[in-house]
Amino acid sequence: MAMRAIAAAAALVAFASPAGAQTRPYLAGTAGYTFPETVGSNIGVEAETKRGYAVTGAAGYSFGDVRAELEAGYRKSDVDEARGLGLRVEGTGEVSALSALANAYYEPRLQLGPLQPYIGAGAGIARFKARRVGAVGVPGLGPVSASETGFAYQLMAGAGWRVSEQATLTAGYRYFATPDIDTTVAAVGPVKIDGLGLHAVEIGLRFGL
């Protein structure tokens, strides 16, 4: 699946790149503050998670107005509370995601001086992990530890500020989503945990080689 995502990103870049566009390799990294969505399940129990963090690193090529890259990332948030079945109690544990995605960006050359807006999308795989997730004082509802590896995607938007011929500072928004988890809880049997959805604001640095 990852290879198909990489091929799709490369095809998009090849289609969108103007003839004769200069190709330039680069390295990039971001650090973000995340706002996780509620993690639900098919038994009516939800986990509300605290704000967390995200880090990514990428290597890619610029083709004029478009870029293509391969990215590795990690996100983590602690569980804040658990609710459902008429209960609302303190939660325990954490959720995280380790990912590898292929991204494509569009960066139109607008007359904005060193400021350069962008939009992008990515697809690939992620390992969504729930570790010791439970509800304080509720026997049978944890702690649960489980993980699932599968399709993940993301959407990005923001702007870069060129500070030198090689370096560009970036700031933006990113939405990231992981696969669901199938696991077993002692008191209820098989359970499907909804995938992790994260909104994030981030800053970063891109360095042309």
C-alpha atoms as a PDB file:
ATOM      1  CA  MET A   1       0.000   0.000   0.000  1.00  0.00           C
ATOM      2  CA  ALA A   2       2.853   2.385   0.797  1.00  0.00           C
ATOM      3  CA  MET A   3       4.385   1.774  -2.638  1.00  0.00           C
ATOM      4  CA  ARG A   4       1.048   2.546  -4.310  1.00  0.00           C
ATOM      5  CA  ALA A   5       0.836   5.810  -2.344  1.00  0.00           C
ATOM      6  CA  ILE A   6       4.364   6.752  -3.395  1.00  0.00           C
ATOM      7  CA  ALA A   7       3.589   5.973  -7.036  1.00  0.00           C
ATOM      8  CA  ALA A   8       0.403   8.051  -6.860  1.00  0.00           C
ATOM      9  CA  ALA A   9       2.286  11.035  -5.432  1.00  0.00           C
ATOM     10  CA  ALA A  10       4.948  10.762  -8.119  1.00  0.00           C
ATOM     11  CA  ALA A  11       2.300  10.566 -10.848  1.00  0.00           C
ATOM     12  CA  LEU A  12       0.555  13.656  -9.467  1.00  0.00           C
ATOM     13  CA  VAL A  13       3.818  15.596  -9.471  1.00  0.00           C
ATOM     14  CA  ALA A  14       4.667  14.491 -13.008  1.00  0.00           C
ATOM     15  CA  PHE A  15       1.224  15.578 -14.234  1.00  0.00           C
ATOM     16  CA  ALA A  16       1.234  18.938 -12.454  1.00  0.00           C
ATOM     17  CA  SER A  17       4.873  19.957 -13.051  1.00  0.00           C
ATOM     18  CA  PRO A  18       5.475  22.453 -15.840  1.00  0.00           C
ATOM     19  CA  ALA A  19       7.804  21.344 -18.613  1.00  0.00           C
ATOM     20  CA  GLY A  20      11.404  22.213 -17.824  1.00  0.00           C
ATOM     21  CA  ALA A  21      10.764  22.922 -14.116  1.00  0.00           C
ATOM     22  CA  GLN A  22      13.960  22.862 -12.060  1.00  0.00           C
ATOM     23  CA  THR A  23      14.279  19.831  -9.796  1.00  0.00           C
ATOM     24  CA  ARG A  24      15.771  20.433  -6.364  1.00  0.00           C
ATOM     25  CA  PRO A  25      16.115  18.001  -3.440  1.00  0.00           C
ATOM     26  CA  TYR A  26      15.327  19.090   0.120  1.00  0.00           C
ATOM     27  CA  LEU A  27      15.026  17.947   3.730  1.00  0.00           C
ATOM     28  CA  ALA A  28      12.201  19.110   6.007  1.00  0.00           C
ATOM     29  CA  GLY A  29      11.019  18.743   9.590  1.00  0.00           C
ATOM     30  CA  THR A  30       8.063  19.928  11.665  1.00  0.00           C
ATOM     31  CA  ALA A  31       7.008  20.038  15.316  1.00  0.00           C
ATOM     32  CA  GLY A  32       3.304  20.371  16.114  1.00  0.00           C
ATOM     33  CA  TYR A  33       0.791  20.831  18.916  1.00  0.00           C
ATOM     34  CA  THR A  34      -2.125  18.442  18.410  1.00  0.00           C
ATOM     35  CA  PHE A  35      -5.845  18.614  19.149  1.00  0.00           C
ATOM     36  CA  PRO A  36      -7.056  14.988  19.051  1.00  0.00           C
ATOM     37  CA  GLU A  37     -10.632  14.077  18.236  1.00  0.00           C
ATOM     38  CA  THR A  38     -12.583  11.870  20.663  1.00  0.00           C
ATOM     39  CA  VAL A  39     -11.683   8.191  20.224  1.00  0.00           C
ATOM     40  CA  GLY A  40     -14.936   6.239  20.024  1.00  0.00           C
ATOM     41  CA  SER A  41     -15.814   2.558  19.911  1.00  0.00           C
ATOM     42  CA  ASN A  42     -18.637   0.282  18.772  1.00  0.00           C
ATOM     43  CA  ILE A  43     -19.770  -0.337  22.388  1.00  0.00           C
ATOM     44  CA  GLY A  44     -20.627   3.285  23.137  1.00  0.00           C
ATOM     45  CA  VAL A  45     -17.546   4.037  25.267  1.00  0.00           C
ATOM     46  CA  GLU A  46     -15.401   7.038  24.276  1.00  0.00           C
ATOM     47  CA  ALA A  47     -11.960   8.245  25.347  1.00  0.00           C
ATOM     48  CA  GLU A  48     -11.332  11.977  25.468  1.00  0.00           C
ATOM     49  CA  THR A  49      -7.650  12.673  24.930  1.00  0.00           C
ATOM     50  CA  LYS A  50      -5.480  15.577  26.011  1.00  0.00           C
ATOM     51  CA  ARG A  51      -3.658  17.837  23.625  1.00  0.00           C
ATOM     52  CA  GLY A  52      -0.405  16.233  22.544  1.00  0.00           C
ATOM     53  CA  TYR A  53       2.512  16.596  20.185  1.00  0.00           C
ATOM     54  CA  ALA A  54       3.608  15.543  16.710  1.00  0.00           C
ATOM     55  CA  VAL A  55       6.992  15.462  14.967  1.00  0.00           C
ATOM     56  CA  THR A  56       7.758  14.690  11.322  1.00  0.00           C
ATOM     57  CA  GLY A  57      10.812  14.420   9.111  1.00  0.00           C
ATOM     58  CA  ALA A  58      10.797  14.265   5.311  1.00  0.00           C
ATOM     59  CA  ALA A  59      13.011  14.096   2.237  1.00  0.00           C
ATOM     60  CA  GLY A  60      11.765  15.156  -1.156  1.00  0.00           C
ATOM     61  CA  TYR A  61      12.104  17.041  -4.424  1.00  0.00           C
ATOM     62  CA  SER A  62      10.739  20.378  -5.577  1.00  0.00           C
ATOM     63  CA  PHE A  63       9.502  20.665  -9.184  1.00  0.00           C
ATOM     64  CA  GLY A  64       8.681  24.338  -9.553  1.00  0.00           C
ATOM     65  CA  ASP A  65       5.198  24.834  -8.102  1.00  0.00           C
ATOM     66  CA  VAL A  66       4.869  21.269  -6.804  1.00  0.00           C
ATOM     67  CA  ARG A  67       6.795  19.091  -4.365  1.00  0.00           C
ATOM     68  CA  ALA A  68       6.834  15.357  -3.632  1.00  0.00           C
ATOM     69  CA  GLU A  69       8.299  13.781  -0.507  1.00  0.00           C
ATOM     70  CA  LEU A  70       8.481  10.749   1.751  1.00  0.00           C
ATOM     71  CA  GLU A  71       7.715  11.482   5.402  1.00  0.00           C
ATOM     72  CA  ALA A  72       8.072   9.671   8.731  1.00  0.00           C
ATOM     73  CA  GLY A  73       6.081  10.930  11.722  1.00  0.00           C
ATOM     74  CA  TYR A  74       5.160  10.260  15.342  1.00  0.00           C
ATOM     75  CA  ARG A  75       2.177  11.545  17.359  1.00  0.00           C
ATOM     76  CA  LYS A  76       1.264  10.979  21.016  1.00  0.00           C
ATOM     77  CA  SER A  77      -1.513  12.058  23.394  1.00  0.00           C
ATOM     78  CA  ASP A  78      -2.539  10.979  26.911  1.00  0.00           C
ATOM     79  CA  VAL A  79      -6.095   9.905  27.728  1.00  0.00           C
ATOM     80  CA  ASP A  80      -8.010  12.502  29.766  1.00  0.00           C
ATOM     81  CA  GLU A  81     -11.353  10.871  30.567  1.00  0.00           C
ATOM     82  CA  ALA A  82     -13.597   7.967  29.619  1.00  0.00           C
ATOM     83  CA  ARG A  83     -17.345   8.238  29.150  1.00  0.00           C
ATOM     84  CA  GLY A  84     -20.235   6.065  28.082  1.00  0.00           C
ATOM     85  CA  LEU A  85     -22.704   3.542  29.523  1.00  0.00           C
ATOM     86  CA  GLY A  86     -23.971   6.362  31.752  1.00  0.00           C
ATOM     87  CA  LEU A  87     -20.527   7.020  33.232  1.00  0.00           C
ATOM     88  CA  ARG A  88     -17.990   9.851  32.992  1.00  0.00           C
ATOM     89  CA  VAL A  89     -14.750   9.050  34.832  1.00  0.00           C
ATOM     90  CA  GLU A  90     -11.043   9.741  34.738  1.00  0.00           C
ATOM     91  CA  GLY A  91      -9.221   7.897  31.993  1.00  0.00           C
ATOM     92  CA  THR A  92      -5.803   6.297  31.913  1.00  0.00           C
ATOM     93  CA  GLY A  93      -3.263   5.437  29.250  1.00  0.00           C
ATOM     94  CA  GLU A  94      -2.117   6.960  25.997  1.00  0.00           C
ATOM     95  CA  VAL A  95      -2.625   6.757  22.246  1.00  0.00           C
ATOM     96  CA  SER A  96       0.076   7.188  19.621  1.00  0.00           C
ATOM     97  CA  ALA A  97       0.728   6.774  15.914  1.00  0.00           C
ATOM     98  CA  LEU A  98       3.925   6.013  14.001  1.00  0.00           C
ATOM     99  CA  SER A  99       3.553   6.731  10.285  1.00  0.00           C
ATOM    100  CA  ALA A 100       5.225   6.608   6.869  1.00  0.00           C
ATOM    101  CA  LEU A 101       3.506   8.610   4.122  1.00  0.00           C
ATOM    102  CA  ALA A 102       4.064   9.942   0.618  1.00  0.00           C
ATOM    103  CA  ASN A 103       3.046  13.597   0.283  1.00  0.00           C
ATOM    104  CA  ALA A 104       2.404  15.950  -2.625  1.00  0.00           C
ATOM    105  CA  TYR A 105       2.258  19.750  -2.245  1.00  0.00           C
ATOM    106  CA  TYR A 106       1.171  22.597  -4.493  1.00  0.00           C
ATOM    107  CA  GLU A 107       2.932  25.937  -3.921  1.00  0.00           C
ATOM    108  CA  PRO A 108       1.793  28.600  -6.409  1.00  0.00           C
ATOM    109  CA  ARG A 109       4.342  31.337  -7.061  1.00  0.00           C
ATOM    110  CA  LEU A 110       2.336  34.362  -5.960  1.00  0.00           C
ATOM    111  CA  GLN A 111       3.601  37.925  -5.757  1.00  0.00           C
ATOM    112  CA  LEU A 112       3.901  37.905  -1.944  1.00  0.00           C
ATOM    113  CA  GLY A 113       7.603  38.520  -1.517  1.00  0.00           C
ATOM    114  CA  PRO A 114       9.260  35.798   0.602  1.00  0.00           C
ATOM    115  CA  LEU A 115       5.850  34.396   1.681  1.00  0.00           C
ATOM    116  CA  GLN A 116       4.775  31.243  -0.155  1.00  0.00           C
ATOM    117  CA  PRO A 117       1.426  29.540   0.660  1.00  0.00           C
ATOM    118  CA  TYR A 118       0.945  25.806   0.132  1.00  0.00           C
ATOM    119  CA  ILE A 119      -1.632  23.037   0.233  1.00  0.00           C
ATOM    120  CA  GLY A 120      -0.888  19.321   0.332  1.00  0.00           C
ATOM    121  CA  ALA A 121      -2.119  15.798   0.891  1.00  0.00           C
ATOM    122  CA  GLY A 122      -0.505  12.523   1.836  1.00  0.00           C
ATOM    123  CA  ALA A 123      -1.265   8.819   2.064  1.00  0.00           C
ATOM    124  CA  GLY A 124       0.548   5.767   3.381  1.00  0.00           C
ATOM    125  CA  ILE A 125       0.549   3.562   6.478  1.00  0.00           C
ATOM    126  CA  ALA A 126       0.440   4.152  10.227  1.00  0.00           C
ATOM    127  CA  ARG A 127       0.625   2.034  13.353  1.00  0.00           C
ATOM    128  CA  PHE A 128      -2.087   3.284  15.723  1.00  0.00           C
ATOM    129  CA  LYS A 129      -1.374   2.121  19.282  1.00  0.00           C
ATOM    130  CA  ALA A 130      -3.519   2.331  22.417  1.00  0.00           C
ATOM    131  CA  ARG A 131      -1.484   1.622  25.570  1.00  0.00           C
ATOM    132  CA  ARG A 132      -3.108   0.806  28.922  1.00  0.00           C
ATOM    133  CA  VAL A 133      -6.296   2.701  28.081  1.00  0.00           C
ATOM    134  CA  GLY A 134      -8.911   2.341  30.796  1.00  0.00           C
ATOM    135  CA  ALA A 135     -11.534   3.951  33.010  1.00  0.00           C
ATOM    136  CA  VAL A 136     -10.616   4.590  36.646  1.00  0.00           C
ATOM    137  CA  GLY A 137     -12.876   2.688  39.053  1.00  0.00           C
ATOM    138  CA  VAL A 138     -14.730   0.714  36.349  1.00  0.00           C
ATOM    139  CA  PRO A 139     -13.722  -2.977  36.414  1.00  0.00           C
ATOM    140  CA  GLY A 140     -13.721  -4.755  33.066  1.00  0.00           C
ATOM    141  CA  LEU A 141     -13.172  -1.639  30.929  1.00  0.00           C
ATOM    142  CA  GLY A 142      -9.419  -1.823  30.835  1.00  0.00           C
ATOM    143  CA  PRO A 143      -6.665  -1.237  30.893  1.00  0.00           C
ATOM    144  CA  VAL A 144      -6.553  -2.169  27.199  1.00  0.00           C
ATOM    145  CA  SER A 145      -3.393  -2.272  25.096  1.00  0.00           C
ATOM    146  CA  ALA A 146      -3.711  -2.918  21.360  1.00  0.00           C
ATOM    147  CA  SER A 147      -2.407  -1.721  18.019  1.00  0.00           C
ATOM    148  CA  GLU A 148      -3.262  -1.814  14.321  1.00  0.00           C
ATOM    149  CA  THR A 149      -1.263  -1.020  11.195  1.00  0.00           C
ATOM    150  CA  GLY A 150      -3.106   0.153   8.090  1.00  0.00           C
ATOM    151  CA  PHE A 151      -3.983   2.963   5.717  1.00  0.00           C
ATOM    152  CA  ALA A 152      -3.481   6.550   6.939  1.00  0.00           C
ATOM    153  CA  TYR A 153      -3.867   9.918   5.275  1.00  0.00           C
ATOM    154  CA  GLN A 154      -3.353  13.608   5.955  1.00  0.00           C
ATOM    155  CA  LEU A 155      -4.220  17.066   4.620  1.00  0.00           C
ATOM    156  CA  MET A 156      -1.989  20.126   5.017  1.00  0.00           C
ATOM    157  CA  ALA A 157      -2.179  23.881   4.448  1.00  0.00           C
ATOM    158  CA  GLY A 158       0.044  26.764   5.451  1.00  0.00           C
ATOM    159  CA  ALA A 159       2.787  29.072   4.273  1.00  0.00           C
ATOM    160  CA  GLY A 160       6.548  29.211   4.044  1.00  0.00           C
ATOM    161  CA  TRP A 161       8.785  32.209   4.639  1.00  0.00           C
ATOM    162  CA  ARG A 162      12.047  32.077   2.706  1.00  0.00           C
ATOM    163  CA  VAL A 163      14.859  33.254   4.996  1.00  0.00           C
ATOM    164  CA  SER A 164      17.780  32.385   2.696  1.00  0.00           C
ATOM    165  CA  GLU A 165      18.472  30.777  -0.668  1.00  0.00           C
ATOM    166  CA  GLN A 166      18.350  27.329   0.964  1.00  0.00           C
ATOM    167  CA  ALA A 167      16.176  27.699   4.097  1.00  0.00           C
ATOM    168  CA  THR A 168      12.413  28.242   4.418  1.00  0.00           C
ATOM    169  CA  LEU A 169      10.517  28.511   7.710  1.00  0.00           C
ATOM    170  CA  THR A 170       7.009  27.024   7.598  1.00  0.00           C
ATOM    171  CA  ALA A 171       3.844  27.333   9.685  1.00  0.00           C
ATOM    172  CA  GLY A 172       0.601  25.527   9.028  1.00  0.00           C
ATOM    173  CA  TYR A 173      -2.291  23.242   9.834  1.00  0.00           C
ATOM    174  CA  ARG A 174      -2.443  19.471   9.405  1.00  0.00           C
ATOM    175  CA  TYR A 175      -5.198  16.873   9.754  1.00  0.00           C
ATOM    176  CA  PHE A 176      -4.031  13.268  10.231  1.00  0.00           C
ATOM    177  CA  ALA A 177      -6.104  10.062  10.482  1.00  0.00           C
ATOM    178  CA  THR A 178      -5.190   6.439  11.301  1.00  0.00           C
ATOM    179  CA  PRO A 179      -6.836   3.014  10.911  1.00  0.00           C
ATOM    180  CA  ASP A 180      -9.283   1.519  13.456  1.00  0.00           C
ATOM    181  CA  ILE A 181      -8.183  -1.077  16.017  1.00  0.00           C
ATOM    182  CA  ASP A 182      -9.899  -4.448  16.560  1.00  0.00           C
ATOM    183  CA  THR A 183      -9.278  -5.826  20.055  1.00  0.00           C
ATOM    184  CA  THR A 184     -10.944  -7.678  22.944  1.00  0.00           C
ATOM    185  CA  VAL A 185     -12.097  -6.249  26.298  1.00  0.00           C
ATOM    186  CA  ALA A 186     -12.598  -8.735  29.124  1.00  0.00           C
ATOM    187  CA  ALA A 187     -16.080  -7.598  30.169  1.00  0.00           C
ATOM    188  CA  VAL A 188     -17.626  -7.225  26.687  1.00  0.00           C
ATOM    189  CA  GLY A 189     -15.619  -9.292  24.202  1.00  0.00           C
ATOM    190  CA  PRO A 190     -14.585  -8.042  20.732  1.00  0.00           C
ATOM    191  CA  VAL A 191     -14.382  -4.247  20.421  1.00  0.00           C
ATOM    192  CA  LYS A 192     -13.588  -1.927  17.501  1.00  0.00           C
ATOM    193  CA  ILE A 193     -11.781   1.258  18.528  1.00  0.00           C
ATOM    194  CA  ASP A 194     -12.181   4.121  16.071  1.00  0.00           C
ATOM    195  CA  GLY A 195      -9.068   5.411  14.365  1.00  0.00           C
ATOM    196  CA  LEU A 196      -7.197   8.396  15.735  1.00  0.00           C
ATOM    197  CA  GLY A 197      -8.001  11.761  14.144  1.00  0.00           C
ATOM    198  CA  LEU A 198      -5.684  14.682  14.913  1.00  0.00           C
ATOM    199  CA  HIS A 199      -5.818  18.387  14.134  1.00  0.00           C
ATOM    200  CA  ALA A 200      -2.446  20.099  14.547  1.00  0.00           C
ATOM    201  CA  VAL A 201      -0.783  23.485  14.272  1.00  0.00           C
ATOM    202  CA  GLU A 202       2.884  23.215  13.431  1.00  0.00           C
ATOM    203  CA  ILE A 203       6.097  25.016  12.643  1.00  0.00           C
ATOM    204  CA  GLY A 204       8.956  23.662  10.603  1.00  0.00           C
ATOM    205  CA  LEU A 205      12.063  24.170   8.526  1.00  0.00           C
ATOM    206  CA  ARG A 206      12.716  23.124   4.928  1.00  0.00           C
ATOM    207  CA  PHE A 207      16.302  23.138   3.647  1.00  0.00           C
ATOM    208  CA  GLY A 208      17.181  22.875  -0.029  1.00  0.00           C
ATOM    209  CA  LEU A 209      20.204  20.755  -0.904  1.00  0.00           C
END
